[in-house]
N, C-alpha and C. Protein backbone atom coordinates (compact mmCIF):
# COMPACT_ATOMS: atom_id res chain seq x y z
N MET A 1 0.85 -1.17 0.00
CA MET A 1 0.00 0.00 0.00
C MET A 1 0.89 1.23 0.00
N SER A 2 0.58 2.22 -0.76
CA SER A 2 1.42 3.39 -0.88
C SER A 2 1.34 4.26 0.37
N ASN A 3 2.39 5.07 0.55
CA ASN A 3 2.47 5.92 1.73
C ASN A 3 1.30 6.89 1.81
N SER A 4 0.86 7.41 0.66
CA SER A 4 -0.24 8.36 0.68
C SER A 4 -1.52 7.69 1.18
N LYS A 5 -1.67 6.41 0.95
CA LYS A 5 -2.85 5.71 1.41
C LYS A 5 -2.73 5.35 2.88
N MET A 6 -1.50 5.14 3.35
CA MET A 6 -1.30 4.85 4.77
C MET A 6 -1.63 6.07 5.62
N ALA A 7 -1.49 7.25 5.04
CA ALA A 7 -1.73 8.47 5.80
C ALA A 7 -3.19 8.63 6.19
N GLY A 8 -4.10 8.12 5.40
CA GLY A 8 -5.51 8.34 5.69
C GLY A 8 -6.28 7.03 5.78
N ILE A 9 -6.03 6.26 6.80
CA ILE A 9 -6.74 5.00 6.95
C ILE A 9 -8.20 5.29 7.27
N GLN A 10 -9.08 4.70 6.47
CA GLN A 10 -10.50 4.92 6.63
C GLN A 10 -11.11 3.81 7.47
N SER A 11 -12.36 3.98 7.84
CA SER A 11 -13.02 2.94 8.63
C SER A 11 -13.19 1.67 7.82
N ASN A 12 -13.33 1.78 6.54
CA ASN A 12 -13.39 0.61 5.68
C ASN A 12 -12.00 0.39 5.10
N LEU A 13 -11.32 -0.66 5.55
CA LEU A 13 -9.93 -0.87 5.18
C LEU A 13 -9.72 -0.99 3.68
N PHE A 14 -10.67 -1.58 2.96
CA PHE A 14 -10.48 -1.83 1.55
C PHE A 14 -10.97 -0.68 0.68
N GLU A 15 -11.48 0.37 1.28
CA GLU A 15 -11.99 1.51 0.54
C GLU A 15 -10.86 2.23 -0.19
N GLU A 16 -9.65 2.25 0.38
CA GLU A 16 -8.53 2.98 -0.17
C GLU A 16 -7.71 2.18 -1.18
N LEU A 17 -7.96 0.88 -1.29
CA LEU A 17 -7.14 0.07 -2.17
C LEU A 17 -7.51 0.31 -3.63
N ASP A 18 -6.47 0.49 -4.48
CA ASP A 18 -6.74 0.58 -5.90
C ASP A 18 -6.34 -0.74 -6.55
N ASP A 19 -6.47 -0.83 -7.85
CA ASP A 19 -6.22 -2.09 -8.56
C ASP A 19 -4.80 -2.59 -8.36
N ALA A 20 -3.81 -1.67 -8.38
CA ALA A 20 -2.42 -2.09 -8.24
C ALA A 20 -2.17 -2.71 -6.87
N ASP A 21 -2.76 -2.10 -5.83
CA ASP A 21 -2.59 -2.65 -4.49
C ASP A 21 -3.23 -4.02 -4.37
N LEU A 22 -4.43 -4.17 -4.93
CA LEU A 22 -5.10 -5.47 -4.87
C LEU A 22 -4.33 -6.53 -5.64
N MET A 23 -3.79 -6.15 -6.80
CA MET A 23 -3.00 -7.10 -7.58
C MET A 23 -1.73 -7.49 -6.83
N ALA A 24 -1.13 -6.54 -6.13
CA ALA A 24 0.08 -6.84 -5.37
C ALA A 24 -0.22 -7.81 -4.24
N VAL A 25 -1.34 -7.61 -3.55
CA VAL A 25 -1.71 -8.50 -2.46
C VAL A 25 -2.00 -9.90 -2.98
N VAL A 26 -2.80 -9.99 -4.03
CA VAL A 26 -3.15 -11.30 -4.57
C VAL A 26 -1.92 -11.97 -5.18
N GLY A 27 -1.16 -11.22 -5.97
CA GLY A 27 0.04 -11.79 -6.59
C GLY A 27 1.06 -12.25 -5.58
N GLY A 28 1.26 -11.46 -4.54
CA GLY A 28 2.21 -11.85 -3.49
C GLY A 28 1.77 -13.10 -2.75
N SER A 29 0.48 -13.21 -2.51
CA SER A 29 0.00 -14.38 -1.79
C SER A 29 0.02 -15.63 -2.66
N VAL A 30 -0.20 -15.46 -3.96
CA VAL A 30 -0.19 -16.61 -4.86
C VAL A 30 1.24 -17.09 -5.13
N LEU A 31 2.17 -16.15 -5.32
CA LEU A 31 3.52 -16.50 -5.71
C LEU A 31 4.43 -16.88 -4.54
N SER A 32 4.01 -16.64 -3.32
CA SER A 32 4.88 -16.97 -2.18
C SER A 32 4.30 -18.16 -1.43
N ASN A 33 5.19 -18.85 -0.77
CA ASN A 33 4.78 -20.00 0.03
C ASN A 33 5.53 -19.90 1.35
N VAL A 34 4.95 -19.15 2.29
CA VAL A 34 5.60 -18.89 3.56
C VAL A 34 5.83 -20.18 4.34
N GLY A 35 4.94 -21.13 4.21
CA GLY A 35 5.07 -22.39 4.95
C GLY A 35 6.35 -23.14 4.63
N ASP A 36 6.89 -22.96 3.42
CA ASP A 36 8.12 -23.64 3.06
C ASP A 36 9.35 -22.97 3.67
N THR A 37 9.23 -21.71 4.04
CA THR A 37 10.39 -21.02 4.57
C THR A 37 10.42 -21.00 6.09
N VAL A 38 9.31 -21.28 6.73
CA VAL A 38 9.25 -21.31 8.20
C VAL A 38 9.34 -22.76 8.63
N THR A 39 10.36 -23.09 9.41
CA THR A 39 10.54 -24.48 9.81
C THR A 39 10.58 -24.58 11.33
N LYS A 40 10.35 -25.77 11.83
CA LYS A 40 10.40 -26.02 13.27
C LYS A 40 11.85 -25.97 13.75
N PRO A 41 12.09 -25.44 14.95
CA PRO A 41 13.46 -25.42 15.46
C PRO A 41 14.01 -26.84 15.60
N GLY A 42 15.25 -27.03 15.13
CA GLY A 42 15.91 -28.32 15.27
C GLY A 42 15.60 -29.28 14.15
N ASN A 43 14.59 -29.02 13.34
CA ASN A 43 14.26 -29.92 12.25
C ASN A 43 13.91 -29.07 11.03
N ASP A 44 14.90 -28.88 10.16
CA ASP A 44 14.73 -27.98 9.02
C ASP A 44 13.88 -28.56 7.90
N SER A 45 13.51 -29.83 7.97
CA SER A 45 12.79 -30.43 6.86
C SER A 45 11.28 -30.38 7.01
N GLN A 46 10.77 -30.06 8.21
CA GLN A 46 9.33 -30.05 8.42
C GLN A 46 8.82 -28.62 8.58
N PRO A 47 8.09 -28.13 7.59
CA PRO A 47 7.56 -26.76 7.71
C PRO A 47 6.44 -26.69 8.75
N THR A 48 6.31 -25.52 9.36
CA THR A 48 5.25 -25.30 10.33
C THR A 48 4.43 -24.09 9.91
N SER A 49 3.19 -24.07 10.32
CA SER A 49 2.34 -22.93 9.95
C SER A 49 2.12 -22.00 11.13
N SER A 50 2.88 -22.16 12.21
CA SER A 50 2.66 -21.31 13.39
C SER A 50 2.90 -19.84 13.09
N ALA A 51 3.90 -19.53 12.27
CA ALA A 51 4.15 -18.12 11.91
C ALA A 51 2.99 -17.57 11.09
N ILE A 52 2.47 -18.37 10.20
CA ILE A 52 1.33 -17.93 9.37
C ILE A 52 0.12 -17.67 10.25
N GLU A 53 -0.12 -18.58 11.18
CA GLU A 53 -1.26 -18.42 12.08
C GLU A 53 -1.08 -17.19 12.98
N LEU A 54 0.13 -16.95 13.44
CA LEU A 54 0.40 -15.78 14.28
C LEU A 54 0.11 -14.49 13.51
N VAL A 55 0.57 -14.42 12.28
CA VAL A 55 0.31 -13.23 11.47
C VAL A 55 -1.18 -13.04 11.25
N ALA A 56 -1.91 -14.13 11.00
CA ALA A 56 -3.35 -14.04 10.80
C ALA A 56 -4.05 -13.53 12.05
N VAL A 57 -3.67 -14.04 13.21
CA VAL A 57 -4.28 -13.60 14.47
C VAL A 57 -3.97 -12.13 14.74
N LEU A 58 -2.71 -11.73 14.52
CA LEU A 58 -2.34 -10.33 14.75
C LEU A 58 -3.06 -9.40 13.76
N PHE A 59 -3.25 -9.86 12.53
CA PHE A 59 -4.00 -9.06 11.57
C PHE A 59 -5.44 -8.87 12.03
N LEU A 60 -6.05 -9.94 12.47
CA LEU A 60 -7.44 -9.84 12.95
C LEU A 60 -7.53 -8.92 14.17
N LEU A 61 -6.55 -8.99 15.07
CA LEU A 61 -6.55 -8.09 16.22
C LEU A 61 -6.37 -6.63 15.79
N SER A 62 -5.58 -6.41 14.73
CA SER A 62 -5.34 -5.04 14.29
C SER A 62 -6.62 -4.39 13.74
N VAL A 63 -7.56 -5.19 13.26
CA VAL A 63 -8.82 -4.65 12.76
C VAL A 63 -9.57 -3.92 13.88
N LEU A 64 -9.40 -4.37 15.11
CA LEU A 64 -10.06 -3.72 16.24
C LEU A 64 -9.56 -2.29 16.45
N PHE A 65 -8.35 -2.01 15.98
CA PHE A 65 -7.77 -0.69 16.20
C PHE A 65 -8.04 0.28 15.05
N THR A 66 -8.80 -0.14 14.06
CA THR A 66 -9.10 0.71 12.91
C THR A 66 -9.74 2.04 13.31
N PRO A 67 -10.72 2.05 14.23
CA PRO A 67 -11.28 3.36 14.63
C PRO A 67 -10.24 4.28 15.27
N LEU A 68 -9.31 3.70 15.99
CA LEU A 68 -8.24 4.51 16.59
C LEU A 68 -7.38 5.14 15.50
N PHE A 69 -7.03 4.36 14.48
CA PHE A 69 -6.23 4.89 13.38
C PHE A 69 -7.00 5.95 12.60
N ALA A 70 -8.29 5.76 12.46
CA ALA A 70 -9.11 6.72 11.72
C ALA A 70 -9.21 8.05 12.47
N ALA A 71 -9.05 8.00 13.79
CA ALA A 71 -9.13 9.23 14.59
C ALA A 71 -7.88 10.09 14.47
N VAL A 72 -6.78 9.52 13.99
CA VAL A 72 -5.53 10.28 13.84
C VAL A 72 -5.65 11.14 12.58
N PRO A 73 -5.49 12.46 12.73
CA PRO A 73 -5.59 13.32 11.54
C PRO A 73 -4.44 13.04 10.56
N THR A 74 -4.72 13.27 9.30
CA THR A 74 -3.73 12.95 8.27
C THR A 74 -2.44 13.72 8.43
N PHE A 75 -2.52 14.96 8.85
CA PHE A 75 -1.30 15.76 8.98
C PHE A 75 -0.39 15.23 10.09
N ALA A 76 -0.92 14.46 11.01
CA ALA A 76 -0.10 13.92 12.09
C ALA A 76 0.86 12.84 11.60
N THR A 77 0.62 12.31 10.43
CA THR A 77 1.49 11.27 9.89
C THR A 77 2.66 11.85 9.10
N ALA A 78 2.69 13.15 8.90
CA ALA A 78 3.73 13.79 8.09
C ALA A 78 5.14 13.48 8.58
N PRO A 79 5.45 13.54 9.88
CA PRO A 79 6.82 13.22 10.29
C PRO A 79 7.24 11.80 9.92
N ALA A 80 6.34 10.84 10.03
CA ALA A 80 6.67 9.47 9.66
C ALA A 80 6.92 9.37 8.15
N LEU A 81 6.10 10.05 7.36
CA LEU A 81 6.28 10.02 5.92
C LEU A 81 7.58 10.71 5.49
N ILE A 82 7.95 11.77 6.19
CA ILE A 82 9.22 12.44 5.90
C ILE A 82 10.38 11.51 6.19
N MET A 83 10.30 10.77 7.29
CA MET A 83 11.36 9.82 7.63
C MET A 83 11.44 8.70 6.59
N VAL A 84 10.29 8.19 6.15
CA VAL A 84 10.28 7.14 5.12
C VAL A 84 10.90 7.69 3.83
N GLY A 85 10.55 8.91 3.46
CA GLY A 85 11.13 9.53 2.27
C GLY A 85 12.63 9.69 2.40
N PHE A 86 13.10 10.07 3.57
CA PHE A 86 14.54 10.20 3.81
C PHE A 86 15.24 8.85 3.63
N LEU A 87 14.66 7.80 4.20
CA LEU A 87 15.26 6.47 4.08
C LEU A 87 15.26 5.99 2.64
N MET A 88 14.20 6.31 1.90
CA MET A 88 14.13 5.90 0.50
C MET A 88 15.16 6.66 -0.34
N ILE A 89 15.30 7.95 -0.12
CA ILE A 89 16.19 8.75 -0.96
C ILE A 89 17.66 8.43 -0.66
N SER A 90 17.95 7.90 0.53
CA SER A 90 19.34 7.55 0.84
C SER A 90 19.82 6.38 -0.01
N SER A 91 18.91 5.61 -0.59
CA SER A 91 19.29 4.50 -1.46
C SER A 91 19.64 4.94 -2.87
N VAL A 92 19.41 6.19 -3.20
CA VAL A 92 19.67 6.69 -4.55
C VAL A 92 21.16 6.59 -4.88
N GLN A 93 22.00 6.69 -3.89
CA GLN A 93 23.44 6.61 -4.15
C GLN A 93 23.87 5.24 -4.66
N ASN A 94 23.05 4.21 -4.46
CA ASN A 94 23.39 2.87 -4.91
C ASN A 94 22.94 2.59 -6.35
N ILE A 95 22.28 3.54 -6.98
CA ILE A 95 21.82 3.36 -8.36
C ILE A 95 23.02 3.49 -9.30
N ASN A 96 23.09 2.58 -10.26
CA ASN A 96 24.16 2.64 -11.27
C ASN A 96 23.76 3.68 -12.32
N TRP A 97 24.21 4.90 -12.14
CA TRP A 97 23.82 6.00 -13.03
C TRP A 97 24.50 5.91 -14.40
N ASN A 98 25.47 5.00 -14.55
CA ASN A 98 26.13 4.81 -15.84
C ASN A 98 25.36 3.87 -16.76
N ASP A 99 24.42 3.10 -16.21
CA ASP A 99 23.59 2.20 -17.01
C ASP A 99 22.29 2.94 -17.34
N PRO A 100 22.07 3.24 -18.62
CA PRO A 100 20.87 4.01 -18.98
C PRO A 100 19.56 3.36 -18.54
N ALA A 101 19.49 2.05 -18.60
CA ALA A 101 18.24 1.36 -18.22
C ALA A 101 17.95 1.60 -16.74
N GLU A 102 18.95 1.41 -15.90
CA GLU A 102 18.75 1.62 -14.46
C GLU A 102 18.52 3.09 -14.14
N ALA A 103 19.32 3.96 -14.75
CA ALA A 103 19.24 5.38 -14.44
C ALA A 103 17.89 5.98 -14.86
N ILE A 104 17.45 5.68 -16.07
CA ILE A 104 16.19 6.25 -16.56
C ILE A 104 15.01 5.67 -15.78
N ALA A 105 15.03 4.36 -15.54
CA ALA A 105 13.95 3.74 -14.78
C ALA A 105 13.89 4.32 -13.36
N ALA A 106 15.05 4.46 -12.71
CA ALA A 106 15.08 5.00 -11.35
C ALA A 106 14.61 6.45 -11.34
N PHE A 107 15.06 7.24 -12.32
CA PHE A 107 14.64 8.64 -12.39
C PHE A 107 13.13 8.76 -12.56
N LEU A 108 12.57 7.94 -13.46
CA LEU A 108 11.12 8.00 -13.69
C LEU A 108 10.34 7.54 -12.46
N ILE A 109 10.86 6.56 -11.75
CA ILE A 109 10.20 6.13 -10.50
C ILE A 109 10.21 7.26 -9.49
N LEU A 110 11.38 7.89 -9.32
CA LEU A 110 11.48 9.00 -8.36
C LEU A 110 10.59 10.18 -8.76
N LEU A 111 10.47 10.42 -10.05
CA LEU A 111 9.64 11.52 -10.53
C LEU A 111 8.15 11.20 -10.42
N THR A 112 7.79 9.96 -10.68
CA THR A 112 6.37 9.57 -10.72
C THR A 112 5.74 9.48 -9.34
N MET A 113 6.52 9.10 -8.33
CA MET A 113 5.93 8.94 -6.98
C MET A 113 5.23 10.20 -6.50
N PRO A 114 5.89 11.35 -6.48
CA PRO A 114 5.17 12.54 -5.97
C PRO A 114 4.10 13.05 -6.93
N LEU A 115 4.24 12.79 -8.22
CA LEU A 115 3.26 13.29 -9.17
C LEU A 115 1.96 12.49 -9.14
N THR A 116 2.04 11.20 -8.83
CA THR A 116 0.84 10.36 -8.80
C THR A 116 0.37 10.05 -7.39
N TYR A 117 1.15 10.41 -6.39
CA TYR A 117 0.86 10.07 -5.00
C TYR A 117 0.74 8.56 -4.81
N SER A 118 1.48 7.79 -5.59
CA SER A 118 1.35 6.35 -5.53
C SER A 118 2.70 5.69 -5.79
N ILE A 119 3.18 4.97 -4.79
CA ILE A 119 4.42 4.21 -4.97
C ILE A 119 4.17 3.07 -5.95
N ALA A 120 2.99 2.46 -5.88
CA ALA A 120 2.67 1.33 -6.75
C ALA A 120 2.71 1.73 -8.22
N GLU A 121 2.14 2.87 -8.56
CA GLU A 121 2.15 3.31 -9.96
C GLU A 121 3.56 3.67 -10.41
N ALA A 122 4.34 4.28 -9.53
CA ALA A 122 5.71 4.63 -9.88
C ALA A 122 6.54 3.37 -10.14
N LEU A 123 6.38 2.37 -9.29
CA LEU A 123 7.11 1.12 -9.52
C LEU A 123 6.64 0.43 -10.80
N ALA A 124 5.36 0.52 -11.09
CA ALA A 124 4.85 -0.06 -12.34
C ALA A 124 5.50 0.60 -13.55
N ILE A 125 5.67 1.92 -13.50
CA ILE A 125 6.37 2.63 -14.58
C ILE A 125 7.79 2.10 -14.72
N GLY A 126 8.48 1.92 -13.60
CA GLY A 126 9.84 1.39 -13.63
C GLY A 126 9.90 -0.02 -14.19
N PHE A 127 8.91 -0.86 -13.82
CA PHE A 127 8.87 -2.23 -14.33
C PHE A 127 8.62 -2.27 -15.83
N ILE A 128 7.97 -1.25 -16.35
CA ILE A 128 7.71 -1.19 -17.80
C ILE A 128 8.94 -0.64 -18.54
N ILE A 129 9.50 0.43 -18.03
CA ILE A 129 10.59 1.14 -18.73
C ILE A 129 11.89 0.34 -18.75
N TYR A 130 12.25 -0.27 -17.61
CA TYR A 130 13.53 -0.97 -17.52
C TYR A 130 13.69 -2.04 -18.61
N PRO A 131 12.76 -2.99 -18.75
CA PRO A 131 12.97 -3.99 -19.80
C PRO A 131 12.90 -3.40 -21.22
N LEU A 132 12.08 -2.36 -21.40
CA LEU A 132 12.01 -1.74 -22.73
C LEU A 132 13.36 -1.15 -23.13
N ILE A 133 14.03 -0.50 -22.20
CA ILE A 133 15.34 0.09 -22.50
C ILE A 133 16.36 -1.01 -22.74
N LYS A 134 16.34 -2.06 -21.92
CA LYS A 134 17.29 -3.17 -22.10
C LYS A 134 17.09 -3.83 -23.47
N VAL A 135 15.84 -4.02 -23.87
CA VAL A 135 15.56 -4.62 -25.17
C VAL A 135 16.04 -3.70 -26.29
N SER A 136 15.80 -2.39 -26.15
CA SER A 136 16.23 -1.44 -27.18
C SER A 136 17.75 -1.35 -27.27
N GLN A 137 18.46 -1.69 -26.18
CA GLN A 137 19.93 -1.71 -26.20
C GLN A 137 20.47 -3.03 -26.75
N GLY A 138 19.58 -3.98 -26.99
CA GLY A 138 20.03 -5.30 -27.45
C GLY A 138 20.51 -6.17 -26.30
N LEU A 139 20.11 -5.84 -25.09
CA LEU A 139 20.54 -6.58 -23.89
C LEU A 139 19.37 -7.28 -23.23
N ALA A 140 18.46 -7.79 -24.04
CA ALA A 140 17.26 -8.44 -23.50
C ALA A 140 17.60 -9.64 -22.63
N HIS A 141 18.72 -10.30 -22.91
CA HIS A 141 19.10 -11.47 -22.15
C HIS A 141 19.50 -11.14 -20.71
N GLN A 142 19.77 -9.87 -20.41
CA GLN A 142 20.14 -9.46 -19.05
C GLN A 142 18.93 -9.28 -18.14
N VAL A 143 17.75 -9.29 -18.72
CA VAL A 143 16.53 -9.09 -17.94
C VAL A 143 15.91 -10.46 -17.64
N SER A 144 15.59 -10.69 -16.38
CA SER A 144 15.03 -11.99 -16.00
C SER A 144 13.55 -12.07 -16.38
N MET A 145 13.06 -13.29 -16.48
CA MET A 145 11.66 -13.51 -16.85
C MET A 145 10.67 -12.88 -15.86
N PRO A 146 10.93 -12.93 -14.54
CA PRO A 146 9.99 -12.27 -13.62
C PRO A 146 9.84 -10.76 -13.89
N VAL A 147 10.91 -10.11 -14.35
CA VAL A 147 10.82 -8.68 -14.66
C VAL A 147 9.94 -8.46 -15.88
N TYR A 148 10.08 -9.32 -16.90
CA TYR A 148 9.17 -9.23 -18.05
C TYR A 148 7.73 -9.48 -17.62
N PHE A 149 7.53 -10.45 -16.75
CA PHE A 149 6.19 -10.76 -16.23
C PHE A 149 5.61 -9.54 -15.51
N LEU A 150 6.41 -8.90 -14.66
CA LEU A 150 5.94 -7.70 -13.95
C LEU A 150 5.64 -6.56 -14.92
N ALA A 151 6.42 -6.47 -15.99
CA ALA A 151 6.18 -5.43 -16.99
C ALA A 151 4.82 -5.65 -17.67
N VAL A 152 4.53 -6.89 -18.03
CA VAL A 152 3.26 -7.20 -18.68
C VAL A 152 2.09 -6.93 -17.73
N ILE A 153 2.24 -7.35 -16.47
CA ILE A 153 1.19 -7.09 -15.48
C ILE A 153 0.99 -5.58 -15.28
N SER A 154 2.08 -4.83 -15.26
CA SER A 154 1.99 -3.38 -15.08
C SER A 154 1.28 -2.72 -16.26
N VAL A 155 1.58 -3.18 -17.47
CA VAL A 155 0.90 -2.63 -18.65
C VAL A 155 -0.59 -2.92 -18.57
N PHE A 156 -0.94 -4.17 -18.22
CA PHE A 156 -2.36 -4.52 -18.08
C PHE A 156 -3.03 -3.68 -17.01
N GLN A 157 -2.32 -3.42 -15.92
CA GLN A 157 -2.89 -2.62 -14.84
C GLN A 157 -3.23 -1.21 -15.33
N PHE A 158 -2.31 -0.61 -16.11
CA PHE A 158 -2.57 0.73 -16.62
C PHE A 158 -3.67 0.72 -17.68
N VAL A 159 -3.72 -0.32 -18.50
CA VAL A 159 -4.77 -0.41 -19.52
C VAL A 159 -6.13 -0.57 -18.86
N LEU A 160 -6.22 -1.44 -17.85
CA LEU A 160 -7.49 -1.66 -17.16
C LEU A 160 -7.93 -0.43 -16.38
N LYS A 161 -6.97 0.33 -15.90
CA LYS A 161 -7.28 1.52 -15.10
C LYS A 161 -7.81 2.66 -15.97
N SER A 162 -7.40 2.70 -17.22
CA SER A 162 -7.83 3.81 -18.08
C SER A 162 -9.16 3.57 -18.74
């Protein structure tokens, strides 16, 4: 969920979700298998679902606090959002600015976030632009299949949204 949506939690939790957020939730849950990564102590071969159950219980308990979150005015979240922005921008130094695909994709992501108020849409732009530039450079083999998959999903998301 994007930071702008976290700032104004409504009484109806799903009221603020857009198509990209819903696709991310469904896609993440379909493509991941948490049970395979959580194992019992002392026996790495037997997966356990206790972590999954704990997360489910904590999520259900968090629903009880929704009215409390709704009572917090949106402007009160500004310091937290400023800190998140600071932490995000500190990673810019790790971008390979000599690679046009990375540099242009990163620049467009950074530019799109404040213009659309959506991290999800900005990342979708990056997922579309990066493989397009690599293909136009003749370096299509450097892009992994999951990135192409995310690019196609991002294009569909923008087409369905318009």
